[in-house]
Amino acid sequence: MALKPTIYKFKITLADIDRNHYDTLNFTIAQHPSETLERMMARVLAFCINAQEFLSFTKGLSAVEEPDIWARTLDDQISLWIDVGEPTFDRIRKATRLSPAVKIYAFNSKSDGWWTRGRAKFNDLAVSVFQFQWKGIQTLAGLAERTMTLSITITNNTAYVSAENGECEVSWVSLQFAG
C-alpha cells in the first residue's frame, strides 16, 4: 500500500520590503511521503520570496517533469520555474528552454558539494541559484504544524518568520544571478 501525502494548510501575512510586495497568502500543500519537513518549508519560503500573481505549487516530487513551483501566463506558458534542492544540470538546462526565468533554491547540508561540482556547468545557463542557510531551514521546519499562521518579513536576503509556536530567521546567499 502506497503512503499518502501529509496535508499542510498555511495562512501567511507576507511583507517583502525589498520588492515592495505585501500580501496575505492562503494555500494548502501536500508533503510527499519521501519529502522532509525541511524541504517542504524551503518550498514555502521560496514561494514567499517569489510571490506574484499566477505563482503556484506543482505536484512536486510526484511529477518529475514539473518544477516545485511555477508561474504560468494566461496562455499557459511557463514564465517562472523554481526548483528546491540540488537538481541535475540536465534538468535545469531543459528548464531554461521551457521558461525565461529559472531559479534554484538549495537548502541542505549537501548544497556546498553540489554547487562546487556543478558551478562550472551552471555558469553557461541563464539561471539564478540561491542557497538557504541550513540552520535557519532546520529551525523553520521545527515550527511546522499541520495548520499554520505565519508572518513573514523579507529584507536583505533574510526572512524573519513568526509563528504561534516560535520565530526564526532564514538567510540566503546568491550563488549565481541571471539578470
N, C-alpha and C. Protein backbone atom coordinates (compact mmCIF):
# COMPACT_ATOMS: atom_id res chain seq x y z
N MET A 1 0.83 -1.17 0.00
CA MET A 1 0.00 0.00 0.00
C MET A 1 0.88 1.25 0.00
N ALA A 2 0.60 2.16 -0.90
CA ALA A 2 1.40 3.38 -1.02
C ALA A 2 1.09 4.34 0.12
N LEU A 3 2.13 5.02 0.56
CA LEU A 3 1.96 6.02 1.60
C LEU A 3 1.29 7.25 1.00
N LYS A 4 0.47 7.91 1.79
CA LYS A 4 -0.23 9.10 1.32
C LYS A 4 0.51 10.35 1.78
N PRO A 5 0.34 11.44 1.02
CA PRO A 5 0.98 12.69 1.45
C PRO A 5 0.33 13.24 2.71
N THR A 6 1.09 14.07 3.42
CA THR A 6 0.57 14.77 4.59
C THR A 6 0.17 16.18 4.14
N ILE A 7 -1.01 16.60 4.51
CA ILE A 7 -1.54 17.90 4.06
C ILE A 7 -1.25 18.97 5.11
N TYR A 8 -0.76 20.11 4.64
CA TYR A 8 -0.49 21.28 5.49
C TYR A 8 -1.25 22.48 4.95
N LYS A 9 -1.82 23.26 5.86
CA LYS A 9 -2.55 24.47 5.48
C LYS A 9 -1.81 25.69 6.04
N PHE A 10 -1.62 26.67 5.18
CA PHE A 10 -0.88 27.87 5.56
C PHE A 10 -1.72 29.12 5.37
N LYS A 11 -1.61 30.03 6.32
CA LYS A 11 -2.10 31.39 6.17
C LYS A 11 -0.89 32.27 6.50
N ILE A 12 -0.43 33.01 5.50
CA ILE A 12 0.80 33.78 5.65
C ILE A 12 0.54 35.25 5.38
N THR A 13 0.95 36.07 6.31
CA THR A 13 0.97 37.51 6.10
C THR A 13 2.38 37.83 5.64
N LEU A 14 2.50 38.28 4.41
CA LEU A 14 3.81 38.47 3.78
C LEU A 14 4.12 39.95 3.59
N ALA A 15 5.30 40.34 4.00
CA ALA A 15 5.80 41.70 3.76
C ALA A 15 7.20 41.56 3.16
N ASP A 16 7.30 41.74 1.85
CA ASP A 16 8.59 41.69 1.17
C ASP A 16 9.03 43.14 0.96
N ILE A 17 9.83 43.62 1.86
CA ILE A 17 10.27 45.01 1.86
C ILE A 17 11.08 45.33 0.61
N ASP A 18 11.94 44.41 0.19
CA ASP A 18 12.83 44.64 -0.96
C ASP A 18 12.04 44.84 -2.26
N ARG A 19 10.96 44.09 -2.44
CA ARG A 19 10.18 44.19 -3.68
C ARG A 19 8.94 45.06 -3.52
N ASN A 20 8.72 45.58 -2.31
CA ASN A 20 7.53 46.37 -2.02
C ASN A 20 6.26 45.56 -2.35
N HIS A 21 6.27 44.29 -1.91
CA HIS A 21 5.17 43.36 -2.17
C HIS A 21 4.58 42.93 -0.82
N TYR A 22 3.30 43.20 -0.65
CA TYR A 22 2.60 42.87 0.60
C TYR A 22 1.37 42.05 0.23
N ASP A 23 1.16 40.95 0.95
CA ASP A 23 0.08 40.06 0.56
C ASP A 23 -0.33 39.18 1.73
N THR A 24 -1.50 38.60 1.63
CA THR A 24 -1.94 37.53 2.52
C THR A 24 -2.10 36.30 1.65
N LEU A 25 -1.37 35.27 1.97
CA LEU A 25 -1.39 34.04 1.19
C LEU A 25 -2.10 32.95 1.97
N ASN A 26 -3.00 32.26 1.31
CA ASN A 26 -3.68 31.10 1.89
C ASN A 26 -3.53 29.94 0.92
N PHE A 27 -2.89 28.88 1.36
CA PHE A 27 -2.75 27.73 0.48
C PHE A 27 -2.60 26.44 1.27
N THR A 28 -2.86 25.36 0.58
CA THR A 28 -2.71 24.03 1.12
C THR A 28 -1.68 23.31 0.27
N ILE A 29 -0.71 22.68 0.90
CA ILE A 29 0.26 21.90 0.14
C ILE A 29 0.36 20.49 0.72
N ALA A 30 0.81 19.60 -0.13
CA ALA A 30 0.97 18.20 0.26
C ALA A 30 2.46 17.90 0.43
N GLN A 31 2.80 17.33 1.56
CA GLN A 31 4.16 16.88 1.79
C GLN A 31 4.24 15.44 1.28
N HIS A 32 5.03 15.23 0.23
CA HIS A 32 5.22 13.90 -0.33
C HIS A 32 5.78 12.98 0.76
N PRO A 33 5.42 11.69 0.77
CA PRO A 33 5.90 10.78 1.80
C PRO A 33 7.43 10.73 1.92
N SER A 34 8.14 10.99 0.82
CA SER A 34 9.60 10.94 0.88
C SER A 34 10.22 12.32 1.14
N GLU A 35 9.39 13.33 1.30
CA GLU A 35 9.89 14.70 1.49
C GLU A 35 10.07 15.02 2.97
N THR A 36 11.20 15.64 3.30
CA THR A 36 11.43 16.06 4.68
C THR A 36 10.68 17.35 4.97
N LEU A 37 10.47 17.63 6.25
CA LEU A 37 9.86 18.89 6.64
C LEU A 37 10.73 20.07 6.20
N GLU A 38 12.04 19.88 6.25
CA GLU A 38 12.96 20.94 5.83
C GLU A 38 12.74 21.31 4.37
N ARG A 39 12.61 20.31 3.52
CA ARG A 39 12.40 20.58 2.10
C ARG A 39 11.04 21.24 1.87
N MET A 40 10.02 20.76 2.55
CA MET A 40 8.70 21.35 2.38
C MET A 40 8.71 22.82 2.80
N MET A 41 9.34 23.12 3.92
CA MET A 41 9.37 24.51 4.40
C MET A 41 10.27 25.37 3.51
N ALA A 42 11.30 24.79 2.90
CA ALA A 42 12.11 25.53 1.92
C ALA A 42 11.25 25.87 0.71
N ARG A 43 10.35 24.97 0.31
CA ARG A 43 9.42 25.26 -0.79
C ARG A 43 8.50 26.44 -0.43
N VAL A 44 7.99 26.42 0.79
CA VAL A 44 7.11 27.50 1.23
C VAL A 44 7.86 28.83 1.22
N LEU A 45 9.09 28.83 1.71
CA LEU A 45 9.88 30.06 1.74
C LEU A 45 10.21 30.55 0.33
N ALA A 46 10.57 29.64 -0.56
CA ALA A 46 10.85 30.02 -1.96
C ALA A 46 9.59 30.62 -2.60
N PHE A 47 8.45 30.06 -2.27
CA PHE A 47 7.18 30.60 -2.78
C PHE A 47 7.01 32.05 -2.31
N CYS A 48 7.22 32.28 -1.02
CA CYS A 48 7.05 33.63 -0.46
C CYS A 48 8.03 34.63 -1.07
N ILE A 49 9.26 34.22 -1.29
CA ILE A 49 10.28 35.10 -1.86
C ILE A 49 9.90 35.53 -3.27
N ASN A 50 9.19 34.68 -3.97
CA ASN A 50 8.82 34.94 -5.36
C ASN A 50 7.34 35.23 -5.54
N ALA A 51 6.62 35.48 -4.46
CA ALA A 51 5.17 35.67 -4.52
C ALA A 51 4.78 36.67 -5.60
N GLN A 52 3.84 36.25 -6.43
CA GLN A 52 3.33 37.07 -7.53
C GLN A 52 2.05 36.43 -8.05
N GLU A 53 1.35 37.17 -8.87
CA GLU A 53 0.14 36.64 -9.46
C GLU A 53 0.50 35.42 -10.33
N PHE A 54 -0.32 34.42 -10.31
CA PHE A 54 -0.20 33.19 -11.10
C PHE A 54 0.89 32.23 -10.61
N LEU A 55 1.53 32.52 -9.47
CA LEU A 55 2.51 31.60 -8.91
C LEU A 55 1.77 30.48 -8.20
N SER A 56 2.21 29.24 -8.40
CA SER A 56 1.54 28.12 -7.74
C SER A 56 2.50 26.97 -7.51
N PHE A 57 2.15 26.15 -6.53
CA PHE A 57 2.87 24.92 -6.29
C PHE A 57 2.44 23.91 -7.34
N THR A 58 3.35 23.05 -7.75
CA THR A 58 3.00 21.96 -8.66
C THR A 58 2.81 20.70 -7.83
N LYS A 59 2.76 19.57 -8.49
CA LYS A 59 2.65 18.30 -7.77
C LYS A 59 3.98 17.91 -7.14
N GLY A 60 5.03 18.70 -7.40
CA GLY A 60 6.32 18.50 -6.75
C GLY A 60 6.95 17.16 -7.06
N LEU A 61 7.36 16.45 -6.03
CA LEU A 61 8.05 15.18 -6.21
C LEU A 61 7.20 14.14 -6.92
N SER A 62 5.90 14.34 -6.95
CA SER A 62 5.01 13.40 -7.63
C SER A 62 5.00 13.58 -9.14
N ALA A 63 5.53 14.69 -9.63
CA ALA A 63 5.56 14.98 -11.07
C ALA A 63 6.98 15.41 -11.45
N VAL A 64 7.79 14.45 -11.87
CA VAL A 64 9.21 14.72 -12.09
C VAL A 64 9.49 15.66 -13.25
N GLU A 65 8.55 15.86 -14.15
CA GLU A 65 8.74 16.76 -15.28
C GLU A 65 8.38 18.21 -14.96
N GLU A 66 7.88 18.45 -13.76
CA GLU A 66 7.47 19.79 -13.36
C GLU A 66 8.42 20.31 -12.29
N PRO A 67 8.52 21.65 -12.17
CA PRO A 67 9.30 22.21 -11.07
C PRO A 67 8.52 22.08 -9.76
N ASP A 68 9.09 22.54 -8.68
CA ASP A 68 8.37 22.57 -7.41
C ASP A 68 7.32 23.67 -7.39
N ILE A 69 7.67 24.79 -8.03
CA ILE A 69 6.80 25.97 -8.06
C ILE A 69 6.92 26.56 -9.46
N TRP A 70 5.82 27.10 -9.97
CA TRP A 70 5.92 27.78 -11.25
C TRP A 70 4.90 28.90 -11.34
N ALA A 71 5.16 29.79 -12.27
CA ALA A 71 4.18 30.80 -12.66
C ALA A 71 3.89 30.56 -14.13
N ARG A 72 2.62 30.61 -14.47
CA ARG A 72 2.20 30.40 -15.85
C ARG A 72 1.45 31.64 -16.32
N THR A 73 1.60 31.94 -17.58
CA THR A 73 0.92 33.08 -18.18
C THR A 73 -0.52 32.71 -18.50
N LEU A 74 -1.30 33.68 -18.93
CA LEU A 74 -2.70 33.42 -19.28
C LEU A 74 -2.83 32.45 -20.45
N ASP A 75 -1.81 32.42 -21.32
CA ASP A 75 -1.85 31.47 -22.43
C ASP A 75 -1.12 30.16 -22.08
N ASP A 76 -0.94 29.91 -20.77
CA ASP A 76 -0.42 28.65 -20.22
C ASP A 76 1.06 28.39 -20.49
N GLN A 77 1.80 29.44 -20.78
CA GLN A 77 3.25 29.30 -20.93
C GLN A 77 3.90 29.44 -19.54
N ILE A 78 4.99 28.73 -19.32
CA ILE A 78 5.71 28.85 -18.05
C ILE A 78 6.53 30.14 -18.09
N SER A 79 6.32 31.01 -17.10
CA SER A 79 7.09 32.26 -17.04
C SER A 79 8.14 32.23 -15.94
N LEU A 80 8.00 31.33 -14.98
CA LEU A 80 8.98 31.18 -13.90
C LEU A 80 9.00 29.72 -13.46
N TRP A 81 10.20 29.15 -13.41
CA TRP A 81 10.42 27.77 -13.00
C TRP A 81 11.28 27.82 -11.74
N ILE A 82 10.80 27.22 -10.65
CA ILE A 82 11.56 27.20 -9.39
C ILE A 82 11.73 25.76 -8.93
N ASP A 83 12.98 25.37 -8.74
CA ASP A 83 13.29 24.06 -8.16
C ASP A 83 13.91 24.27 -6.78
N VAL A 84 13.57 23.40 -5.84
CA VAL A 84 14.11 23.44 -4.49
C VAL A 84 14.94 22.18 -4.31
N GLY A 85 16.18 22.36 -3.88
CA GLY A 85 17.07 21.22 -3.68
C GLY A 85 18.31 21.34 -4.53
N GLU A 86 18.79 20.22 -5.01
CA GLU A 86 20.01 20.17 -5.82
C GLU A 86 19.71 19.45 -7.13
N PRO A 87 19.03 20.11 -8.06
CA PRO A 87 18.66 19.45 -9.32
C PRO A 87 19.87 19.19 -10.20
N THR A 88 19.70 18.28 -11.14
CA THR A 88 20.79 17.96 -12.07
C THR A 88 20.92 19.05 -13.12
N PHE A 89 22.10 19.12 -13.69
CA PHE A 89 22.36 20.09 -14.75
C PHE A 89 21.40 19.88 -15.92
N ASP A 90 21.19 18.63 -16.32
CA ASP A 90 20.31 18.35 -17.45
C ASP A 90 18.88 18.82 -17.19
N ARG A 91 18.41 18.65 -15.99
CA ARG A 91 17.06 19.11 -15.64
C ARG A 91 16.96 20.63 -15.79
N ILE A 92 17.96 21.34 -15.31
CA ILE A 92 17.92 22.80 -15.36
C ILE A 92 18.16 23.30 -16.78
N ARG A 93 18.99 22.62 -17.53
CA ARG A 93 19.18 23.01 -18.93
C ARG A 93 17.84 22.92 -19.68
N LYS A 94 17.10 21.85 -19.42
CA LYS A 94 15.77 21.69 -20.02
C LYS A 94 14.83 22.80 -19.54
N ALA A 95 14.89 23.13 -18.26
CA ALA A 95 14.04 24.18 -17.70
C ALA A 95 14.29 25.52 -18.38
N THR A 96 15.55 25.82 -18.70
CA THR A 96 15.85 27.10 -19.35
C THR A 96 15.28 27.17 -20.77
N ARG A 97 14.99 26.03 -21.37
CA ARG A 97 14.34 26.02 -22.68
C ARG A 97 12.83 26.20 -22.55
N LEU A 98 12.28 25.84 -21.38
CA LEU A 98 10.83 25.91 -21.16
C LEU A 98 10.37 27.21 -20.52
N SER A 99 11.28 27.93 -19.85
CA SER A 99 10.90 29.12 -19.11
C SER A 99 11.96 30.21 -19.25
N PRO A 100 11.54 31.46 -19.39
CA PRO A 100 12.52 32.55 -19.49
C PRO A 100 13.21 32.86 -18.16
N ALA A 101 12.64 32.43 -17.04
CA ALA A 101 13.24 32.66 -15.72
C ALA A 101 13.29 31.34 -14.96
N VAL A 102 14.49 30.97 -14.52
CA VAL A 102 14.68 29.72 -13.77
C VAL A 102 15.46 30.05 -12.50
N LYS A 103 14.94 29.55 -11.37
CA LYS A 103 15.59 29.77 -10.08
C LYS A 103 15.72 28.45 -9.33
N ILE A 104 16.84 28.32 -8.64
CA ILE A 104 17.09 27.14 -7.80
C ILE A 104 17.32 27.64 -6.38
N TYR A 105 16.70 26.97 -5.42
CA TYR A 105 16.92 27.26 -4.00
C TYR A 105 17.47 25.99 -3.35
N ALA A 106 18.79 25.95 -3.16
CA ALA A 106 19.43 24.83 -2.46
C ALA A 106 19.27 25.10 -0.96
N PHE A 107 19.15 24.05 -0.16
CA PHE A 107 18.79 24.32 1.23
C PHE A 107 19.46 23.44 2.26
N ASN A 108 20.16 22.39 1.89
CA ASN A 108 20.61 21.49 2.95
C ASN A 108 22.11 21.39 3.06
N SER A 109 22.57 20.48 3.90
CA SER A 109 24.00 20.36 4.18
C SER A 109 24.79 19.84 2.98
N LYS A 110 24.12 19.30 1.95
CA LYS A 110 24.81 18.81 0.76
C LYS A 110 24.99 19.90 -0.30
N SER A 111 24.40 21.06 -0.08
CA SER A 111 24.38 22.11 -1.09
C SER A 111 25.78 22.58 -1.50
N ASP A 112 26.68 22.71 -0.55
CA ASP A 112 28.02 23.19 -0.89
C ASP A 112 28.71 22.26 -1.88
N GLY A 113 28.65 20.97 -1.62
CA GLY A 113 29.27 20.00 -2.52
C GLY A 113 28.61 19.97 -3.88
N TRP A 114 27.28 20.04 -3.91
CA TRP A 114 26.54 20.08 -5.17
C TRP A 114 26.96 21.30 -5.99
N TRP A 115 27.06 22.46 -5.35
CA TRP A 115 27.42 23.67 -6.07
C TRP A 115 28.87 23.63 -6.54
N THR A 116 29.76 23.12 -5.71
CA THR A 116 31.18 23.02 -6.10
C THR A 116 31.33 22.15 -7.34
N ARG A 117 30.61 21.02 -7.37
CA ARG A 117 30.70 20.11 -8.52
C ARG A 117 30.03 20.67 -9.77
N GLY A 118 28.95 21.44 -9.61
CA GLY A 118 28.17 21.86 -10.77
C GLY A 118 28.35 23.29 -11.22
N ARG A 119 29.06 24.09 -10.46
CA ARG A 119 29.17 25.53 -10.72
C ARG A 119 29.59 25.84 -12.15
N ALA A 120 30.61 25.19 -12.64
CA ALA A 120 31.13 25.49 -13.99
C ALA A 120 30.07 25.25 -15.06
N LYS A 121 29.30 24.18 -14.92
CA LYS A 121 28.25 23.89 -15.89
C LYS A 121 27.13 24.92 -15.83
N PHE A 122 26.71 25.27 -14.62
CA PHE A 122 25.60 26.20 -14.45
C PHE A 122 25.95 27.61 -14.92
N ASN A 123 27.24 27.97 -14.92
CA ASN A 123 27.66 29.30 -15.36
C ASN A 123 27.20 29.61 -16.78
N ASP A 124 27.06 28.58 -17.61
CA ASP A 124 26.65 28.77 -19.00
C ASP A 124 25.14 28.89 -19.18
N LEU A 125 24.38 28.72 -18.09
CA LEU A 125 22.92 28.77 -18.18
C LEU A 125 22.38 30.06 -17.56
N ALA A 126 21.30 30.55 -18.11
CA ALA A 126 20.62 31.72 -17.55
C ALA A 126 19.72 31.25 -16.40
N VAL A 127 20.35 31.04 -15.26
CA VAL A 127 19.64 30.52 -14.09
C VAL A 127 20.17 31.23 -12.84
N SER A 128 19.26 31.56 -11.94
CA SER A 128 19.65 32.14 -10.66
C SER A 128 19.68 31.02 -9.62
N VAL A 129 20.76 30.98 -8.83
CA VAL A 129 20.93 29.93 -7.82
C VAL A 129 21.12 30.60 -6.46
N PHE A 130 20.31 30.15 -5.50
CA PHE A 130 20.38 30.69 -4.15
C PHE A 130 20.58 29.53 -3.17
N GLN A 131 21.21 29.83 -2.04
CA GLN A 131 21.41 28.80 -1.02
C GLN A 131 20.90 29.32 0.31
N PHE A 132 19.86 28.62 0.83
CA PHE A 132 19.35 28.95 2.15
C PHE A 132 20.34 28.49 3.21
N GLN A 133 20.38 29.23 4.30
CA GLN A 133 21.19 28.83 5.45
C GLN A 133 20.55 27.58 6.06
N TRP A 134 21.29 26.50 6.15
CA TRP A 134 20.75 25.22 6.60
C TRP A 134 20.19 25.28 8.01
N LYS A 135 20.89 25.92 8.93
CA LYS A 135 20.40 26.00 10.32
C LYS A 135 19.06 26.72 10.38
N GLY A 136 18.91 27.79 9.59
CA GLY A 136 17.65 28.52 9.56
C GLY A 136 16.50 27.66 9.04
N ILE A 137 16.78 26.88 8.00
CA ILE A 137 15.76 25.97 7.45
C ILE A 137 15.37 24.91 8.48
N GLN A 138 16.35 24.39 9.22
CA GLN A 138 16.05 23.41 10.26
C GLN A 138 15.16 24.02 11.34
N THR A 139 15.45 25.25 11.74
CA THR A 139 14.64 25.93 12.75
C THR A 139 13.24 26.18 12.22
N LEU A 140 13.14 26.62 10.96
CA LEU A 140 11.84 26.85 10.33
C LEU A 140 11.02 25.56 10.29
N ALA A 141 11.66 24.45 9.96
CA ALA A 141 10.96 23.16 9.93
C ALA A 141 10.45 22.77 11.32
N GLY A 142 11.18 23.19 12.34
CA GLY A 142 10.75 22.91 13.71
C GLY A 142 9.47 23.64 14.10
N LEU A 143 9.12 24.67 13.36
CA LEU A 143 7.88 25.40 13.62
C LEU A 143 6.68 24.79 12.92
N ALA A 144 6.90 23.82 12.05
CA ALA A 144 5.83 23.27 11.20
C ALA A 144 4.73 22.60 12.02
N GLU A 145 3.52 22.95 11.66
CA GLU A 145 2.32 22.33 12.19
C GLU A 145 1.38 22.10 11.03
N ARG A 146 0.42 21.19 11.18
CA ARG A 146 -0.49 20.86 10.08
C ARG A 146 -1.31 22.06 9.61
N THR A 147 -1.65 22.96 10.52
CA THR A 147 -2.31 24.21 10.18
C THR A 147 -1.47 25.33 10.79
N MET A 148 -0.99 26.24 9.93
CA MET A 148 -0.06 27.26 10.40
C MET A 148 -0.50 28.65 10.01
N THR A 149 -0.28 29.59 10.92
CA THR A 149 -0.43 31.01 10.63
C THR A 149 0.95 31.61 10.82
N LEU A 150 1.49 32.18 9.74
CA LEU A 150 2.84 32.73 9.77
C LEU A 150 2.83 34.20 9.38
N SER A 151 3.75 34.94 9.94
CA SER A 151 4.04 36.30 9.49
C SER A 151 5.48 36.25 8.98
N ILE A 152 5.66 36.62 7.72
CA ILE A 152 7.00 36.57 7.12
C ILE A 152 7.35 37.95 6.58
N THR A 153 8.47 38.47 7.05
CA THR A 153 9.00 39.74 6.55
C THR A 153 10.32 39.44 5.87
N ILE A 154 10.45 39.89 4.63
CA ILE A 154 11.65 39.62 3.83
C ILE A 154 12.36 40.94 3.56
N THR A 155 13.66 40.96 3.88
CA THR A 155 14.50 42.11 3.55
C THR A 155 15.97 41.68 3.58
N ASN A 156 16.73 42.22 2.66
CA ASN A 156 18.19 41.98 2.60
C ASN A 156 18.56 40.49 2.67
N ASN A 157 17.92 39.67 1.84
CA ASN A 157 18.20 38.23 1.77
C ASN A 157 18.01 37.51 3.10
N THR A 158 17.06 37.97 3.88
CA THR A 158 16.71 37.31 5.13
C THR A 158 15.19 37.33 5.28
N ALA A 159 14.64 36.20 5.69
CA ALA A 159 13.22 36.10 6.01
C ALA A 159 13.09 35.98 7.52
N TYR A 160 12.31 36.87 8.09
CA TYR A 160 12.02 36.85 9.51
C TYR A 160 10.63 36.22 9.65
N VAL A 161 10.58 35.06 10.29
CA VAL A 161 9.35 34.27 10.35
C VAL A 161 8.86 34.22 11.79
N SER A 162 7.58 34.51 11.95
CA SER A 162 6.96 34.44 13.25
C SER A 162 5.74 33.51 13.15
N ALA A 163 5.69 32.55 14.05
CA ALA A 163 4.58 31.60 14.09
C ALA A 163 4.01 31.59 15.50
N GLU A 164 2.90 30.92 15.68
CA GLU A 164 2.29 30.85 17.01
C GLU A 164 3.20 30.13 18.02
N ASN A 165 4.05 29.24 17.53
CA ASN A 165 4.89 28.45 18.43
C ASN A 165 6.37 28.85 18.39
N GLY A 166 6.69 30.03 17.83
CA GLY A 166 8.08 30.47 17.85
C GLY A 166 8.40 31.36 16.67
N GLU A 167 9.67 31.66 16.54
CA GLU A 167 10.12 32.51 15.44
C GLU A 167 11.52 32.11 15.03
N CYS A 168 11.90 32.54 13.82
CA CYS A 168 13.24 32.24 13.34
C CYS A 168 13.61 33.19 12.22
N GLU A 169 14.88 33.14 11.85
CA GLU A 169 15.40 33.88 10.71
C GLU A 169 15.99 32.87 9.75
N VAL A 170 15.74 33.07 8.46
CA VAL A 170 16.38 32.24 7.44
C VAL A 170 17.03 33.20 6.44
N SER A 171 18.34 33.09 6.32
CA SER A 171 19.08 33.91 5.37
C SER A 171 19.46 33.07 4.16
N TRP A 172 19.78 33.74 3.07
CA TRP A 172 20.25 33.04 1.88
C TRP A 172 21.28 33.89 1.16
N VAL A 173 22.08 33.21 0.36
CA VAL A 173 23.08 33.89 -0.46
C VAL A 173 22.79 33.58 -1.91
N SER A 174 23.17 34.51 -2.75
CA SER A 174 23.03 34.32 -4.20
C SER A 174 24.34 33.72 -4.71
N LEU A 175 24.26 32.51 -5.24
CA LEU A 175 25.44 31.85 -5.78
C LEU A 175 25.66 32.21 -7.23
N GLN A 176 24.57 32.48 -7.93
CA GLN A 176 24.62 32.88 -9.34
C GLN A 176 23.35 33.65 -9.64
N PHE A 177 23.48 34.73 -10.36
CA PHE A 177 22.30 35.54 -10.66
C PHE A 177 22.19 35.74 -12.16
N ALA A 178 21.04 35.37 -12.69
CA ALA A 178 20.75 35.59 -14.11
C ALA A 178 19.91 36.85 -14.19
N GLY A 179 20.51 37.93 -14.66
CA GLY A 179 19.85 39.22 -14.70
C GLY A 179 18.68 39.22 -15.58
